[in-house]
Each structure stands twice: as structure tokens, then as C-alpha cells.
Amino acid sequence: MLGFSWSTFFVESINFLILIWLLTRFLYQPVTRTIAARERHITDELKRASDTQTKADELARHYESRLADWQKEKAKLLEAFEASLATERIQKENELHATLEIDAQRARAARVAEEHEERQRLWRRASADAAKFCARLLSRFASAELEHRIIDATIGDLRALSMDDRSGLARGLNGKPVMISTRFPVTQKERDALQAALHEILDVQSSPLFKEDEGLLSGIRIDLGNAVVEGNIGAELRWFAQAENDAVE
């Protein structure tokens, strides 16, 4: 039968306490410290993760807000661009229409000018042809008798000049000799009458020079220095053609 020994119990109790102290000293406390450190580390990691998540959420909200703002800004920019594009298109269309209208006006003006020039050319040609026709026709009627009548009429016209016209012719003569051209020979009576008329209206003392000119057809031309007195069919035909041309222009 086993007996109870207080000494053994006491020794075993001391050994157990020593074991507890050793375990507490060298095992429990390091483990506790390790666990505590591990918990602090986990807590710090969780806190950092929470902060990171918070920052990430904040960045996400900021990004979403910035994205929304960018979408609005992009819409405004697109709207402004489309408005500017529409304005520029309208401006370019107006400029194009204005340019086309100017070109059309220039084309119309050029066409009108060409038509006017063609009409003038045709009219000048018609006037020249008419003058030539009249010259050929009148040349058949040109005669010394007709010329005598023209000379008499010219002498009458000279005597009917006003004082101002006479002074103007005298100044134009300026001492130069008077040249009288006719188609047919001039009679002595006509020479005397012409010299007397010139002496009367121009105070010409010297006798005028006479010559025959076939281009007159019939009639007389008096060269008075810077002035010319025409009284012949050729001059009348030229005047008629020039007057018609001036009327057209």
C-alpha cells in the first residue's frame, strides 16, 4: 500500500513551481510578446490597409468627379467647336457666294463690254462703209458748178462770223500764210472774192495760196494757221462718220 510522503509532495510542488516559473519566464512571455507584436503588426497593417482603402476611395471619388467634370468640359468644348465650325462654315459660304457674285458681275460686265465693243466695231465699220458709199455716190455729182456754189456759201459764212470768231481766227493765223484747197480750179472772180472776205474778217493783206486736192470731192478748205474752215463734201462725210461713232460710244 502506497503511503503519502509530505517531503515528496513538497519537492514535487517546488519542481512544479520552478517549471511554471521557467515556462512563464522563457516560454509564455516571449510567446505573449510575439503574439502582442504580431497583433500590433496586424493592427498597423490593417490601419495602413484602411488608410490605403480610404485614400483609394477618395482617389476614386476624385477621379469620378474629375471624369464627370471632364465630360462636361468636353461637351462644352465640343459644343463650342461645333458652333465655331458652323459659324466658319456660314462665313465661308457667304464669302464663296460673294466671290461667285463678284465673278458673275465681272463676267456680265465683260460680256456687256464685249458686246458694246462689238457693236461699236460694227457701227464704225458700217459708218465707214456708209461714208465710202456716200463718197462714191457723191463723187458722181461732184462738179465745178457744185463747188462754185459751195465757195459762194463759204464766203457768206465767213462774212457772217461774229467779232469774237473773227478775233479767234486771226489769233490762230498768227502771221502764217493762208492756204485754200479746192477740188476744181478756182476762177479769178472766186479768188478775188475769197481774198476780199479774208481781208475783211482777218485783215489779211497777202494773197492766199491756192491748190487743188482730189480728196475734197467737191468744195473748199481754208487753212488759217491753227484753224481750218471746212466747206467740202469730203469733210462733211468724215464729220458724219465721226459723229455717228461718237454717238455710239
C-alpha atoms as a PDB file:
ATOM      1  CA  MET A   1       0.000   0.000   0.000  1.00  0.00           C
ATOM      2  CA  LEU A   2       1.387   3.298  -1.063  1.00  0.00           C
ATOM      3  CA  GLY A   3       1.943   5.908   1.588  1.00  0.00           C
ATOM      4  CA  PHE A   4       1.759   9.670   1.326  1.00  0.00           C
ATOM      5  CA  SER A   5       5.030  11.489   1.760  1.00  0.00           C
ATOM      6  CA  TRP A   6       4.958  15.116   2.565  1.00  0.00           C
ATOM      7  CA  SER A   7       8.549  15.587   1.641  1.00  0.00           C
ATOM      8  CA  THR A   8       7.978  14.157  -1.752  1.00  0.00           C
ATOM      9  CA  PHE A   9       4.891  16.322  -2.184  1.00  0.00           C
ATOM     10  CA  PHE A  10       6.853  19.364  -1.107  1.00  0.00           C
ATOM     11  CA  VAL A  11       9.710  18.619  -3.500  1.00  0.00           C
ATOM     12  CA  GLU A  12       7.307  17.940  -6.379  1.00  0.00           C
ATOM     13  CA  SER A  13       5.456  21.159  -5.651  1.00  0.00           C
ATOM     14  CA  ILE A  14       8.720  23.089  -5.704  1.00  0.00           C
ATOM     15  CA  ASN A  15       9.637  21.391  -9.007  1.00  0.00           C
ATOM     16  CA  PHE A  16       6.211  22.256 -10.415  1.00  0.00           C
ATOM     17  CA  LEU A  17       6.537  25.903  -9.354  1.00  0.00           C
ATOM     18  CA  ILE A  18      10.004  26.032 -10.832  1.00  0.00           C
ATOM     19  CA  LEU A  19       8.605  24.540 -14.042  1.00  0.00           C
ATOM     20  CA  ILE A  20       5.799  27.105 -14.054  1.00  0.00           C
ATOM     21  CA  TRP A  21       8.308  29.887 -13.489  1.00  0.00           C
ATOM     22  CA  LEU A  22      10.553  28.579 -16.211  1.00  0.00           C
ATOM     23  CA  LEU A  23       7.666  28.224 -18.589  1.00  0.00           C
ATOM     24  CA  THR A  24       6.427  31.687 -17.747  1.00  0.00           C
ATOM     25  CA  ARG A  25       9.905  33.183 -17.926  1.00  0.00           C
ATOM     26  CA  PHE A  26      11.278  31.529 -21.004  1.00  0.00           C
ATOM     27  CA  LEU A  27       8.196  30.447 -22.991  1.00  0.00           C
ATOM     28  CA  TYR A  28       4.974  32.265 -22.137  1.00  0.00           C
ATOM     29  CA  GLN A  29       6.335  35.814 -22.017  1.00  0.00           C
ATOM     30  CA  PRO A  30       8.237  35.552 -25.315  1.00  0.00           C
ATOM     31  CA  VAL A  31       5.211  33.952 -26.913  1.00  0.00           C
ATOM     32  CA  THR A  32       2.996  36.647 -25.421  1.00  0.00           C
ATOM     33  CA  ARG A  33       5.319  39.349 -26.613  1.00  0.00           C
ATOM     34  CA  THR A  34       5.478  37.749 -30.025  1.00  0.00           C
ATOM     35  CA  ILE A  35       1.707  37.479 -30.159  1.00  0.00           C
ATOM     36  CA  ALA A  36       1.352  41.081 -28.993  1.00  0.00           C
ATOM     37  CA  ALA A  37       3.904  42.248 -31.536  1.00  0.00           C
ATOM     38  CA  ARG A  38       2.157  40.211 -34.151  1.00  0.00           C
ATOM     39  CA  GLU A  39      -1.197  41.751 -33.176  1.00  0.00           C
ATOM     40  CA  ARG A  40       0.314  45.238 -33.288  1.00  0.00           C
ATOM     41  CA  HIS A  41       1.792  44.469 -36.667  1.00  0.00           C
ATOM     42  CA  ILE A  42      -1.554  43.162 -37.892  1.00  0.00           C
ATOM     43  CA  THR A  43      -3.270  46.196 -36.413  1.00  0.00           C
ATOM     44  CA  ASP A  44      -0.804  48.501 -38.142  1.00  0.00           C
ATOM     45  CA  GLU A  45      -1.212  46.609 -41.386  1.00  0.00           C
ATOM     46  CA  LEU A  46      -4.985  46.808 -41.075  1.00  0.00           C
ATOM     47  CA  LYS A  47      -4.731  50.510 -40.286  1.00  0.00           C
ATOM     48  CA  ARG A  48      -2.457  51.073 -43.269  1.00  0.00           C
ATOM     49  CA  ALA A  49      -4.792  48.989 -45.404  1.00  0.00           C
ATOM     50  CA  SER A  50      -7.727  51.019 -44.121  1.00  0.00           C
ATOM     51  CA  ASP A  51      -5.865  54.264 -44.849  1.00  0.00           C
ATOM     52  CA  THR A  52      -4.917  52.969 -48.267  1.00  0.00           C
ATOM     53  CA  GLN A  53      -8.500  51.959 -48.906  1.00  0.00           C
ATOM     54  CA  THR A  54      -9.691  55.356 -47.713  1.00  0.00           C
ATOM     55  CA  LYS A  55      -7.194  57.080 -49.983  1.00  0.00           C
ATOM     56  CA  ALA A  56      -8.155  54.767 -52.809  1.00  0.00           C
ATOM     57  CA  ASP A  57     -11.835  55.547 -52.244  1.00  0.00           C
ATOM     58  CA  GLU A  58     -11.027  59.253 -52.082  1.00  0.00           C
ATOM     59  CA  LEU A  59      -8.970  58.996 -55.271  1.00  0.00           C
ATOM     60  CA  ALA A  60     -11.778  57.043 -56.915  1.00  0.00           C
ATOM     61  CA  ARG A  61     -14.303  59.709 -55.906  1.00  0.00           C
ATOM     62  CA  HIS A  62     -11.919  62.427 -57.068  1.00  0.00           C
ATOM     63  CA  TYR A  63     -11.370  60.585 -60.352  1.00  0.00           C
ATOM     64  CA  GLU A  64     -15.095  60.114 -60.834  1.00  0.00           C
ATOM     65  CA  SER A  65     -15.685  63.785 -60.042  1.00  0.00           C
ATOM     66  CA  ARG A  66     -12.857  64.830 -62.352  1.00  0.00           C
ATOM     67  CA  LEU A  67     -14.148  62.470 -65.023  1.00  0.00           C
ATOM     68  CA  ALA A  68     -17.622  63.987 -64.711  1.00  0.00           C
ATOM     69  CA  ASP A  69     -16.124  67.479 -64.897  1.00  0.00           C
ATOM     70  CA  TRP A  70     -14.073  66.443 -67.917  1.00  0.00           C
ATOM     71  CA  GLN A  71     -17.155  65.030 -69.593  1.00  0.00           C
ATOM     72  CA  LYS A  72     -18.946  68.337 -69.009  1.00  0.00           C
ATOM     73  CA  GLU A  73     -15.922  70.317 -70.185  1.00  0.00           C
ATOM     74  CA  LYS A  74     -15.574  68.052 -73.217  1.00  0.00           C
ATOM     75  CA  ALA A  75     -19.244  68.553 -74.023  1.00  0.00           C
ATOM     76  CA  LYS A  76     -18.827  72.325 -73.729  1.00  0.00           C
ATOM     77  CA  LEU A  77     -15.698  72.263 -75.885  1.00  0.00           C
ATOM     78  CA  LEU A  78     -17.435  70.079 -78.450  1.00  0.00           C
ATOM     79  CA  GLU A  79     -20.438  72.393 -78.465  1.00  0.00           C
ATOM     80  CA  ALA A  80     -18.188  75.446 -78.818  1.00  0.00           C
ATOM     81  CA  PHE A  81     -16.233  73.720 -81.592  1.00  0.00           C
ATOM     82  CA  GLU A  82     -19.398  72.804 -83.454  1.00  0.00           C
ATOM     83  CA  ALA A  83     -20.710  76.361 -83.048  1.00  0.00           C
ATOM     84  CA  SER A  84     -17.392  77.783 -84.277  1.00  0.00           C
ATOM     85  CA  LEU A  85     -17.369  75.300 -87.147  1.00  0.00           C
ATOM     86  CA  ALA A  86     -20.928  76.249 -88.082  1.00  0.00           C
ATOM     87  CA  THR A  87     -20.059  79.962 -87.911  1.00  0.00           C
ATOM     88  CA  GLU A  88     -16.948  79.459 -90.006  1.00  0.00           C
ATOM     89  CA  ARG A  89     -18.911  77.353 -92.496  1.00  0.00           C
ATOM     90  CA  ILE A  90     -21.531  80.093 -92.813  1.00  0.00           C
ATOM     91  CA  GLN A  91     -18.775  82.698 -93.192  1.00  0.00           C
ATOM     92  CA  LYS A  92     -17.019  80.643 -95.855  1.00  0.00           C
ATOM     93  CA  GLU A  93     -20.310  80.074 -97.656  1.00  0.00           C
ATOM     94  CA  ASN A  94     -21.034  83.811 -97.574  1.00  0.00           C
ATOM     95  CA  GLU A  95     -17.524  84.559 -98.841  1.00  0.00           C
ATOM     96  CA  LEU A  96     -17.950  81.971-101.582  1.00  0.00           C
ATOM     97  CA  HIS A  97     -21.327  83.420-102.577  1.00  0.00           C
ATOM     98  CA  ALA A  98     -19.834  86.928-102.573  1.00  0.00           C
ATOM     99  CA  THR A  99     -16.894  85.752-104.682  1.00  0.00           C
ATOM    100  CA  LEU A 100     -19.210  83.962-107.103  1.00  0.00           C
ATOM    101  CA  GLU A 101     -21.411  87.050-107.320  1.00  0.00           C
ATOM    102  CA  ILE A 102     -18.375  89.264-107.992  1.00  0.00           C
ATOM    103  CA  ASP A 103     -17.176  86.819-110.651  1.00  0.00           C
ATOM    104  CA  ALA A 104     -20.655  86.761-112.159  1.00  0.00           C
ATOM    105  CA  GLN A 105     -20.787  90.563-112.175  1.00  0.00           C
ATOM    106  CA  ARG A 106     -17.347  90.712-113.773  1.00  0.00           C
ATOM    107  CA  ALA A 107     -18.396  88.159-116.349  1.00  0.00           C
ATOM    108  CA  ARG A 108     -21.571  90.131-117.087  1.00  0.00           C
ATOM    109  CA  ALA A 109     -19.571  93.374-117.276  1.00  0.00           C
ATOM    110  CA  ALA A 110     -17.011  91.740-119.550  1.00  0.00           C
ATOM    111  CA  ARG A 111     -19.801  90.324-121.721  1.00  0.00           C
ATOM    112  CA  VAL A 112     -21.521  93.715-121.876  1.00  0.00           C
ATOM    113  CA  ALA A 113     -18.200  95.397-122.683  1.00  0.00           C
ATOM    114  CA  GLU A 114     -17.504  92.846-125.398  1.00  0.00           C
ATOM    115  CA  GLU A 115     -20.981  93.308-126.832  1.00  0.00           C
ATOM    116  CA  HIS A 116     -20.589  97.077-126.669  1.00  0.00           C
ATOM    117  CA  GLU A 117     -17.182  96.884-128.326  1.00  0.00           C
ATOM    118  CA  GLU A 118     -18.583  94.591-131.000  1.00  0.00           C
ATOM    119  CA  ARG A 119     -21.474  96.986-131.611  1.00  0.00           C
ATOM    120  CA  GLN A 120     -19.018  99.870-131.828  1.00  0.00           C
ATOM    121  CA  ARG A 121     -16.829  97.925-134.224  1.00  0.00           C
ATOM    122  CA  LEU A 122     -19.787  97.011-136.389  1.00  0.00           C
ATOM    123  CA  TRP A 123     -21.124 100.557-136.237  1.00  0.00           C
ATOM    124  CA  ARG A 124     -17.719 102.041-137.110  1.00  0.00           C
ATOM    125  CA  ARG A 125     -17.452  99.628-139.979  1.00  0.00           C
ATOM    126  CA  ALA A 126     -20.990 100.455-141.079  1.00  0.00           C
ATOM    127  CA  SER A 127     -20.244 104.185-140.779  1.00  0.00           C
ATOM    128  CA  ALA A 128     -17.042 103.794-142.765  1.00  0.00           C
ATOM    129  CA  ASP A 129     -18.871 101.757-145.396  1.00  0.00           C
ATOM    130  CA  ALA A 130     -21.659 104.347-145.472  1.00  0.00           C
ATOM    131  CA  ALA A 131     -19.135 107.139-145.800  1.00  0.00           C
ATOM    132  CA  LYS A 132     -17.376 105.299-148.636  1.00  0.00           C
ATOM    133  CA  PHE A 133     -20.714 104.630-150.308  1.00  0.00           C
ATOM    134  CA  CYS A 134     -21.748 108.249-149.992  1.00  0.00           C
ATOM    135  CA  ALA A 135     -18.345 109.346-151.235  1.00  0.00           C
ATOM    136  CA  ARG A 136     -18.684 107.158-154.309  1.00  0.00           C
ATOM    137  CA  LEU A 137     -22.245 108.328-154.811  1.00  0.00           C
ATOM    138  CA  LEU A 138     -21.479 111.998-154.318  1.00  0.00           C
ATOM    139  CA  SER A 139     -18.364 111.764-156.432  1.00  0.00           C
ATOM    140  CA  ARG A 140     -20.691 111.205-159.344  1.00  0.00           C
ATOM    141  CA  PHE A 141     -22.398 114.501-158.593  1.00  0.00           C
ATOM    142  CA  ALA A 142     -19.231 116.417-157.752  1.00  0.00           C
ATOM    143  CA  SER A 143     -18.645 119.129-160.299  1.00  0.00           C
ATOM    144  CA  ALA A 144     -17.156 122.553-160.723  1.00  0.00           C
ATOM    145  CA  GLU A 145     -20.665 124.076-160.654  1.00  0.00           C
ATOM    146  CA  LEU A 146     -21.355 122.493-157.272  1.00  0.00           C
ATOM    147  CA  GLU A 147     -18.012 123.673-155.985  1.00  0.00           C
ATOM    148  CA  HIS A 148     -18.722 127.242-157.106  1.00  0.00           C
ATOM    149  CA  ARG A 149     -21.933 127.203-155.106  1.00  0.00           C
ATOM    150  CA  ILE A 150     -20.078 125.804-152.072  1.00  0.00           C
ATOM    151  CA  ILE A 151     -17.430 128.520-152.346  1.00  0.00           C
ATOM    152  CA  ASP A 152     -20.123 131.223-152.517  1.00  0.00           C
ATOM    153  CA  ALA A 153     -21.796 129.714-149.444  1.00  0.00           C
ATOM    154  CA  THR A 154     -18.450 129.582-147.604  1.00  0.00           C
ATOM    155  CA  ILE A 155     -17.766 133.250-148.399  1.00  0.00           C
ATOM    156  CA  GLY A 156     -21.195 134.077-146.997  1.00  0.00           C
ATOM    157  CA  ASP A 157     -20.492 132.075-143.837  1.00  0.00           C
ATOM    158  CA  LEU A 158     -17.145 133.873-143.371  1.00  0.00           C
ATOM    159  CA  ARG A 159     -18.785 137.281-143.657  1.00  0.00           C
ATOM    160  CA  ALA A 160     -21.444 136.193-141.117  1.00  0.00           C
ATOM    161  CA  LEU A 161     -18.875 135.339-138.410  1.00  0.00           C
ATOM    162  CA  SER A 162     -19.112 137.243-135.147  1.00  0.00           C
ATOM    163  CA  MET A 163     -16.362 139.549-133.962  1.00  0.00           C
ATOM    164  CA  ASP A 164     -15.234 137.006-131.365  1.00  0.00           C
ATOM    165  CA  ASP A 165     -14.955 134.279-134.004  1.00  0.00           C
ATOM    166  CA  ARG A 166     -13.038 136.623-136.314  1.00  0.00           C
ATOM    167  CA  SER A 167     -10.617 137.535-133.494  1.00  0.00           C
ATOM    168  CA  GLY A 168     -10.086 133.842-132.691  1.00  0.00           C
ATOM    169  CA  LEU A 169      -9.275 133.013-136.320  1.00  0.00           C
ATOM    170  CA  ALA A 170      -6.919 135.993-136.555  1.00  0.00           C
ATOM    171  CA  ARG A 171      -5.038 134.894-133.438  1.00  0.00           C
ATOM    172  CA  GLY A 172      -4.810 131.329-134.770  1.00  0.00           C
ATOM    173  CA  LEU A 173      -3.384 132.568-138.061  1.00  0.00           C
ATOM    174  CA  ASN A 174      -0.525 134.336-136.247  1.00  0.00           C
ATOM    175  CA  GLY A 175       1.017 135.764-139.428  1.00  0.00           C
ATOM    176  CA  LYS A 176       1.099 132.462-141.284  1.00  0.00           C
ATOM    177  CA  PRO A 177       0.086 132.307-144.972  1.00  0.00           C
ATOM    178  CA  VAL A 178      -3.480 131.335-145.824  1.00  0.00           C
ATOM    179  CA  MET A 179      -3.811 128.093-147.803  1.00  0.00           C
ATOM    180  CA  ILE A 180      -7.012 127.495-149.798  1.00  0.00           C
ATOM    181  CA  SER A 181      -7.609 123.977-151.192  1.00  0.00           C
ATOM    182  CA  THR A 182     -10.319 123.103-153.749  1.00  0.00           C
ATOM    183  CA  ARG A 183     -11.166 120.089-155.856  1.00  0.00           C
ATOM    184  CA  PHE A 184     -11.535 122.025-159.098  1.00  0.00           C
ATOM    185  CA  PRO A 185      -9.708 125.089-160.372  1.00  0.00           C
ATOM    186  CA  VAL A 186     -10.877 128.373-158.816  1.00  0.00           C
ATOM    187  CA  THR A 187     -11.905 131.221-161.083  1.00  0.00           C
ATOM    188  CA  GLN A 188     -10.276 134.620-160.762  1.00  0.00           C
ATOM    189  CA  LYS A 189     -13.579 136.067-159.600  1.00  0.00           C
ATOM    190  CA  GLU A 190     -13.722 133.496-156.763  1.00  0.00           C
ATOM    191  CA  ARG A 191     -10.080 134.190-155.882  1.00  0.00           C
ATOM    192  CA  ASP A 192     -10.816 137.916-155.614  1.00  0.00           C
ATOM    193  CA  ALA A 193     -13.971 137.293-153.569  1.00  0.00           C
ATOM    194  CA  LEU A 194     -12.134 134.976-151.152  1.00  0.00           C
ATOM    195  CA  GLN A 195      -9.220 137.378-150.738  1.00  0.00           C
ATOM    196  CA  ALA A 196     -11.636 140.266-150.094  1.00  0.00           C
ATOM    197  CA  ALA A 197     -13.542 138.237-147.478  1.00  0.00           C
ATOM    198  CA  LEU A 198     -10.323 137.200-145.708  1.00  0.00           C
ATOM    199  CA  HIS A 199      -9.104 140.786-145.740  1.00  0.00           C
ATOM    200  CA  GLU A 200     -12.410 141.914-144.279  1.00  0.00           C
ATOM    201  CA  ILE A 201     -12.650 139.421-141.418  1.00  0.00           C
ATOM    202  CA  LEU A 202      -8.941 138.754-140.714  1.00  0.00           C
ATOM    203  CA  ASP A 203      -7.215 141.824-142.117  1.00  0.00           C
ATOM    204  CA  VAL A 204      -5.061 139.584-144.335  1.00  0.00           C
ATOM    205  CA  GLN A 205      -3.052 141.721-146.779  1.00  0.00           C
ATOM    206  CA  SER A 206      -1.115 138.998-148.601  1.00  0.00           C
ATOM    207  CA  SER A 207      -2.751 136.874-151.266  1.00  0.00           C
ATOM    208  CA  PRO A 208      -3.733 133.349-150.168  1.00  0.00           C
ATOM    209  CA  LEU A 209      -2.128 130.295-151.732  1.00  0.00           C
ATOM    210  CA  PHE A 210      -4.377 128.053-153.822  1.00  0.00           C
ATOM    211  CA  LYS A 211      -4.018 124.342-154.557  1.00  0.00           C
ATOM    212  CA  GLU A 212      -6.196 121.529-155.857  1.00  0.00           C
ATOM    213  CA  ASP A 213      -6.966 118.498-153.658  1.00  0.00           C
ATOM    214  CA  GLU A 214      -8.862 115.476-155.051  1.00  0.00           C
ATOM    215  CA  GLY A 215      -9.709 114.267-151.527  1.00  0.00           C
ATOM    216  CA  LEU A 216     -12.206 117.107-151.124  1.00  0.00           C
ATOM    217  CA  LEU A 217     -14.539 115.579-153.751  1.00  0.00           C
ATOM    218  CA  SER A 218     -16.083 118.997-154.185  1.00  0.00           C
ATOM    219  CA  GLY A 219     -15.779 122.159-152.097  1.00  0.00           C
ATOM    220  CA  ILE A 220     -13.178 124.202-150.267  1.00  0.00           C
ATOM    221  CA  ARG A 221     -10.832 124.035-147.259  1.00  0.00           C
ATOM    222  CA  ILE A 222      -9.177 127.145-145.827  1.00  0.00           C
ATOM    223  CA  ASP A 223      -6.131 126.580-143.607  1.00  0.00           C
ATOM    224  CA  LEU A 224      -5.716 129.530-141.225  1.00  0.00           C
ATOM    225  CA  GLY A 225      -2.677 128.544-139.200  1.00  0.00           C
ATOM    226  CA  ASN A 226      -4.069 126.711-136.158  1.00  0.00           C
ATOM    227  CA  ALA A 227      -7.649 126.795-137.514  1.00  0.00           C
ATOM    228  CA  VAL A 228      -9.294 125.190-140.510  1.00  0.00           C
ATOM    229  CA  VAL A 229     -12.518 126.236-142.241  1.00  0.00           C
ATOM    230  CA  GLU A 230     -14.074 123.227-143.991  1.00  0.00           C
ATOM    231  CA  GLY A 231     -16.674 123.556-146.703  1.00  0.00           C
ATOM    232  CA  ASN A 232     -16.404 120.399-148.757  1.00  0.00           C
ATOM    233  CA  ILE A 233     -18.143 117.090-149.236  1.00  0.00           C
ATOM    234  CA  GLY A 234     -15.171 115.006-148.052  1.00  0.00           C
ATOM    235  CA  ALA A 235     -15.014 116.827-144.707  1.00  0.00           C
ATOM    236  CA  GLU A 236     -18.756 116.543-144.266  1.00  0.00           C
ATOM    237  CA  LEU A 237     -18.595 112.792-144.836  1.00  0.00           C
ATOM    238  CA  ARG A 238     -15.742 112.427-142.321  1.00  0.00           C
ATOM    239  CA  TRP A 239     -17.653 114.549-139.820  1.00  0.00           C
ATOM    240  CA  PHE A 240     -20.751 112.418-140.361  1.00  0.00           C
ATOM    241  CA  ALA A 241     -18.830 109.167-139.756  1.00  0.00           C
ATOM    242  CA  GLN A 242     -17.082 110.565-136.656  1.00  0.00           C
ATOM    243  CA  ALA A 243     -20.342 111.944-135.258  1.00  0.00           C
ATOM    244  CA  GLU A 244     -22.004 108.577-135.665  1.00  0.00           C
ATOM    245  CA  ASN A 245     -19.081 106.845-133.926  1.00  0.00           C
ATOM    246  CA  ASP A 246     -19.162 109.353-131.053  1.00  0.00           C
ATOM    247  CA  ALA A 247     -22.914 108.820-130.686  1.00  0.00           C
ATOM    248  CA  VAL A 248     -22.405 105.075-130.359  1.00  0.00           C
ATOM    249  CA  GLU A 249     -19.582 105.437-127.813  1.00  0.00           C
END
